[in-house]
N, C-alpha and C. Protein backbone atom coordinates (compact mmCIF):
# COMPACT_ATOMS: atom_id res chain seq x y z
N MET A 1 -18.12 -17.37 38.02
CA MET A 1 -17.70 -16.43 37.29
C MET A 1 -16.11 -17.42 36.68
N LEU A 2 -15.64 -18.39 36.73
CA LEU A 2 -14.30 -18.71 36.61
C LEU A 2 -15.25 -20.15 35.01
N CYS A 3 -16.55 -20.75 35.44
CA CYS A 3 -17.45 -20.92 35.06
C CYS A 3 -17.50 -20.94 33.23
N PHE A 4 -18.28 -19.39 33.61
CA PHE A 4 -18.34 -18.39 32.70
C PHE A 4 -17.06 -18.08 31.76
N LEU A 5 -15.73 -17.54 31.80
CA LEU A 5 -15.29 -17.51 31.49
C LEU A 5 -14.86 -18.72 30.69
N ALA A 6 -15.22 -20.44 31.53
CA ALA A 6 -13.64 -20.82 30.77
C ALA A 6 -15.28 -21.58 29.85
N LEU A 7 -16.18 -21.28 29.09
CA LEU A 7 -17.46 -21.75 28.55
C LEU A 7 -17.41 -20.44 27.39
N ILE A 8 -16.96 -19.25 27.59
CA ILE A 8 -17.19 -18.18 26.83
C ILE A 8 -15.19 -18.89 25.99
N LEU A 9 -14.29 -19.27 26.79
CA LEU A 9 -12.83 -19.58 25.83
C LEU A 9 -13.83 -20.72 24.74
N HIS A 10 -14.08 -21.54 25.24
CA HIS A 10 -14.75 -22.39 24.71
C HIS A 10 -14.90 -22.64 23.49
N ARG A 11 -15.88 -21.43 23.52
CA ARG A 11 -16.64 -21.51 22.12
C ARG A 11 -15.71 -20.56 21.12
N VAL A 12 -15.03 -19.71 21.65
CA VAL A 12 -13.42 -19.15 20.96
C VAL A 12 -13.10 -19.87 20.83
N MET A 13 -12.19 -20.45 20.91
CA MET A 13 -11.93 -21.56 20.26
C MET A 13 -12.97 -22.21 19.17
N ARG A 14 -14.05 -22.90 19.67
CA ARG A 14 -15.05 -23.34 18.30
C ARG A 14 -14.50 -23.16 17.54
N HIS A 15 -15.67 -21.40 18.02
CA HIS A 15 -15.43 -20.88 15.88
C HIS A 15 -14.38 -20.27 15.92
N ARG A 16 -13.17 -20.41 16.47
CA ARG A 16 -12.07 -20.33 15.43
C ARG A 16 -11.55 -21.24 14.84
N LEU A 17 -11.16 -22.16 15.58
CA LEU A 17 -10.97 -23.80 14.37
C LEU A 17 -11.74 -23.78 13.92
N ARG A 18 -13.59 -23.57 13.97
CA ARG A 18 -13.78 -23.58 12.56
C ARG A 18 -14.15 -22.52 11.45
N GLN A 19 -13.56 -21.53 11.62
CA GLN A 19 -13.01 -20.04 11.06
C GLN A 19 -11.98 -20.98 9.96
N ALA A 20 -10.80 -21.62 10.61
CA ALA A 20 -10.20 -21.72 9.90
C ALA A 20 -9.73 -23.65 9.05
N ARG A 21 -11.41 -23.78 9.25
CA ARG A 21 -11.45 -25.16 8.70
C ARG A 21 -10.85 -26.02 9.32
N SER A 22 -10.88 -26.07 10.87
CA SER A 22 -9.80 -27.40 11.55
C SER A 22 -11.28 -28.59 11.88
N GLU A 23 -10.65 -29.55 11.44
CA GLU A 23 -10.94 -30.96 12.01
C GLU A 23 -10.96 -30.51 13.95
N LEU A 24 -10.54 -30.60 14.48
CA LEU A 24 -10.40 -30.87 15.58
C LEU A 24 -11.25 -29.72 16.59
N SER A 25 -11.71 -30.64 17.37
CA SER A 25 -12.52 -29.02 19.13
C SER A 25 -10.66 -28.95 19.63
N PRO A 26 -12.02 -27.92 20.49
CA PRO A 26 -11.43 -27.43 21.16
C PRO A 26 -10.63 -28.00 22.48
N ASP A 27 -11.06 -29.37 22.85
CA ASP A 27 -11.07 -30.33 23.03
C ASP A 27 -9.03 -30.88 22.94
N GLN A 28 -9.40 -31.58 22.11
CA GLN A 28 -8.53 -32.16 21.11
C GLN A 28 -7.42 -31.42 21.09
N ALA A 29 -8.10 -29.78 20.80
CA ALA A 29 -6.10 -28.66 20.74
C ALA A 29 -6.01 -28.32 21.74
N LEU A 30 -6.89 -28.40 22.85
CA LEU A 30 -5.72 -27.99 24.63
C LEU A 30 -4.58 -29.43 24.36
N ALA A 31 -5.57 -31.26 23.93
CA ALA A 31 -4.59 -31.73 23.95
C ALA A 31 -2.68 -31.42 23.48
N GLN A 32 -3.10 -31.55 22.21
CA GLN A 32 -2.57 -30.80 21.71
C GLN A 32 -1.12 -29.89 22.13
N LEU A 33 -2.04 -29.22 22.72
CA LEU A 33 -0.56 -27.41 23.52
C LEU A 33 -0.38 -27.63 24.26
N ARG A 34 -1.77 -28.88 24.76
CA ARG A 34 -0.54 -28.79 26.39
C ARG A 34 1.19 -29.75 26.79
N ARG A 35 0.94 -30.23 25.30
CA ARG A 35 2.33 -30.76 25.62
C ARG A 35 3.47 -29.98 24.76
N ILE A 36 3.52 -28.77 24.93
CA ILE A 36 4.20 -27.89 24.50
C ILE A 36 4.38 -27.37 26.38
N GLN A 37 5.90 -27.53 26.19
CA GLN A 37 6.67 -26.84 27.66
C GLN A 37 7.56 -26.18 28.05
N ARG A 38 7.73 -25.07 28.61
CA ARG A 38 8.49 -24.29 29.31
C ARG A 38 9.73 -24.53 30.14
N HIS A 39 10.86 -24.24 30.06
CA HIS A 39 12.35 -25.48 30.34
C HIS A 39 13.16 -23.91 30.69
N SER A 40 13.43 -23.56 32.59
CA SER A 40 14.54 -23.15 32.93
C SER A 40 15.44 -23.66 33.30
N VAL A 41 16.90 -23.99 32.62
CA VAL A 41 18.25 -24.75 33.72
C VAL A 41 18.85 -23.41 34.25
N SER A 42 19.20 -23.72 35.09
CA SER A 42 20.27 -23.27 36.34
C SER A 42 21.20 -24.25 36.44
N ILE A 43 22.47 -24.16 35.64
CA ILE A 43 24.06 -25.23 36.75
C ILE A 43 25.00 -24.32 37.52
N ASN A 44 24.78 -25.06 38.56
CA ASN A 44 26.24 -24.18 39.38
C ASN A 44 25.58 -23.35 40.09
N ARG A 45 24.46 -22.21 39.91
CA ARG A 45 23.69 -20.69 40.09
C ARG A 45 24.87 -20.12 38.65
N THR A 46 25.20 -20.47 37.52
CA THR A 46 24.79 -20.04 36.65
C THR A 46 23.29 -19.08 36.21
N ALA A 47 24.08 -18.56 35.04
CA ALA A 47 22.57 -17.55 34.87
C ALA A 47 22.05 -19.07 34.12
N PRO A 48 20.10 -18.90 34.30
CA PRO A 48 19.11 -19.52 33.99
C PRO A 48 19.71 -19.59 32.19
N VAL A 49 19.15 -20.47 32.03
CA VAL A 49 19.08 -20.98 30.26
C VAL A 49 17.07 -21.34 30.00
N ALA A 50 16.51 -20.27 29.36
CA ALA A 50 15.39 -21.19 29.04
C ALA A 50 14.75 -21.14 28.04
N GLY A 51 14.35 -21.97 27.15
CA GLY A 51 13.67 -22.85 25.83
C GLY A 51 12.52 -23.19 26.13
N VAL A 52 11.91 -23.32 24.70
CA VAL A 52 10.14 -24.01 24.69
C VAL A 52 10.84 -25.31 24.23
N SER A 53 9.83 -26.49 24.65
CA SER A 53 9.85 -28.29 23.84
C SER A 53 9.79 -26.97 22.06
N ILE A 54 10.40 -27.96 20.86
CA ILE A 54 9.74 -27.63 20.54
C ILE A 54 8.50 -28.24 19.98
N ILE A 55 8.01 -27.75 19.24
CA ILE A 55 6.51 -27.08 18.10
C ILE A 55 6.23 -27.67 17.13
N ASN A 56 5.54 -28.88 17.42
CA ASN A 56 5.50 -29.93 16.37
C ASN A 56 4.68 -28.92 14.80
N GLN A 57 4.68 -29.96 13.51
CA GLN A 57 3.23 -28.74 13.11
C GLN A 57 2.22 -29.10 13.76
N LYS A 58 1.48 -29.76 13.72
CA LYS A 58 0.21 -29.67 14.60
C LYS A 58 -0.39 -28.89 15.18
N GLN A 59 0.86 -28.90 16.50
CA GLN A 59 0.58 -27.54 17.44
C GLN A 59 1.04 -26.54 16.84
N ALA A 60 1.69 -26.31 15.29
CA ALA A 60 1.61 -24.76 14.59
C ALA A 60 0.44 -24.93 14.41
N SER A 61 -0.16 -25.61 14.04
CA SER A 61 -0.57 -25.23 12.87
C SER A 61 -2.41 -25.13 13.45
N VAL A 62 -2.03 -25.55 15.18
CA VAL A 62 -3.76 -25.15 16.59
C VAL A 62 -3.15 -24.16 16.65
N LEU A 63 -1.70 -23.60 16.63
CA LEU A 63 -1.92 -22.10 17.22
C LEU A 63 -2.31 -21.56 16.52
N ALA A 64 -2.02 -21.82 14.48
CA ALA A 64 -2.14 -20.96 13.66
C ALA A 64 -3.71 -19.98 13.66
N ALA A 65 -4.26 -21.74 13.54
CA ALA A 65 -5.64 -21.48 13.44
C ALA A 65 -6.40 -21.27 14.53
N LEU A 66 -5.99 -21.20 16.09
CA LEU A 66 -6.87 -19.64 16.75
C LEU A 66 -5.94 -18.33 16.97
N ASN A 67 -5.11 -18.21 15.99
CA ASN A 67 -4.05 -16.34 15.78
C ASN A 67 -3.81 -16.66 17.76
N VAL A 68 -2.76 -17.32 17.35
CA VAL A 68 -2.45 -17.50 18.47
C VAL A 68 -0.26 -17.55 18.43
N LYS A 69 0.15 -16.73 18.39
CA LYS A 69 1.62 -16.74 18.65
C LYS A 69 2.01 -17.65 19.31
N LYS A 70 3.50 -18.37 17.85
CA LYS A 70 3.82 -18.62 19.42
C LYS A 70 5.13 -18.69 20.38
N PRO A 71 4.96 -19.92 21.30
CA PRO A 71 6.19 -19.15 22.41
C PRO A 71 7.66 -18.54 21.62
N VAL A 72 7.84 -17.31 22.41
CA VAL A 72 9.59 -17.23 21.79
C VAL A 72 9.84 -17.10 23.24
N VAL A 73 10.69 -18.14 23.89
CA VAL A 73 12.12 -17.55 24.51
C VAL A 73 13.84 -17.52 23.95
N ASP A 74 14.47 -17.77 25.38
CA ASP A 74 16.22 -17.68 23.89
C ASP A 74 15.78 -18.78 23.32
N ALA A 75 15.64 -20.09 23.24
CA ALA A 75 15.69 -21.51 22.59
C ALA A 75 15.01 -22.31 22.57
N GLN A 76 14.73 -23.26 21.53
CA GLN A 76 13.67 -24.72 21.71
C GLN A 76 14.49 -25.48 22.20
N MET A 77 14.00 -26.66 23.08
CA MET A 77 14.56 -27.27 23.63
C MET A 77 14.30 -28.26 22.76
N SER A 78 14.81 -29.74 22.56
CA SER A 78 13.90 -30.89 22.40
C SER A 78 13.96 -31.79 23.38
N LEU A 79 12.80 -32.44 24.04
CA LEU A 79 12.07 -33.54 24.45
C LEU A 79 13.37 -34.81 24.05
N LEU A 80 14.06 -34.82 24.11
CA LEU A 80 14.51 -36.58 23.83
C LEU A 80 15.06 -37.46 24.51
């Protein structure tokens, strides 16, 4: 069942990328999206601050091609 769902997801991604005229394969798109990270930081038991790493232009174009909304949390954080 899990393999079948993965196959369907892969085919849907491939279809959406082709529709958007993207030259990326589903594997390349996932490699770009894998770099997006969610963070939550709490210091000395204060309320946690959550954020998402800054989404670059290539990641934004992959999200747009896949028709997926950008992740939204309290803030965007740089991983420099």
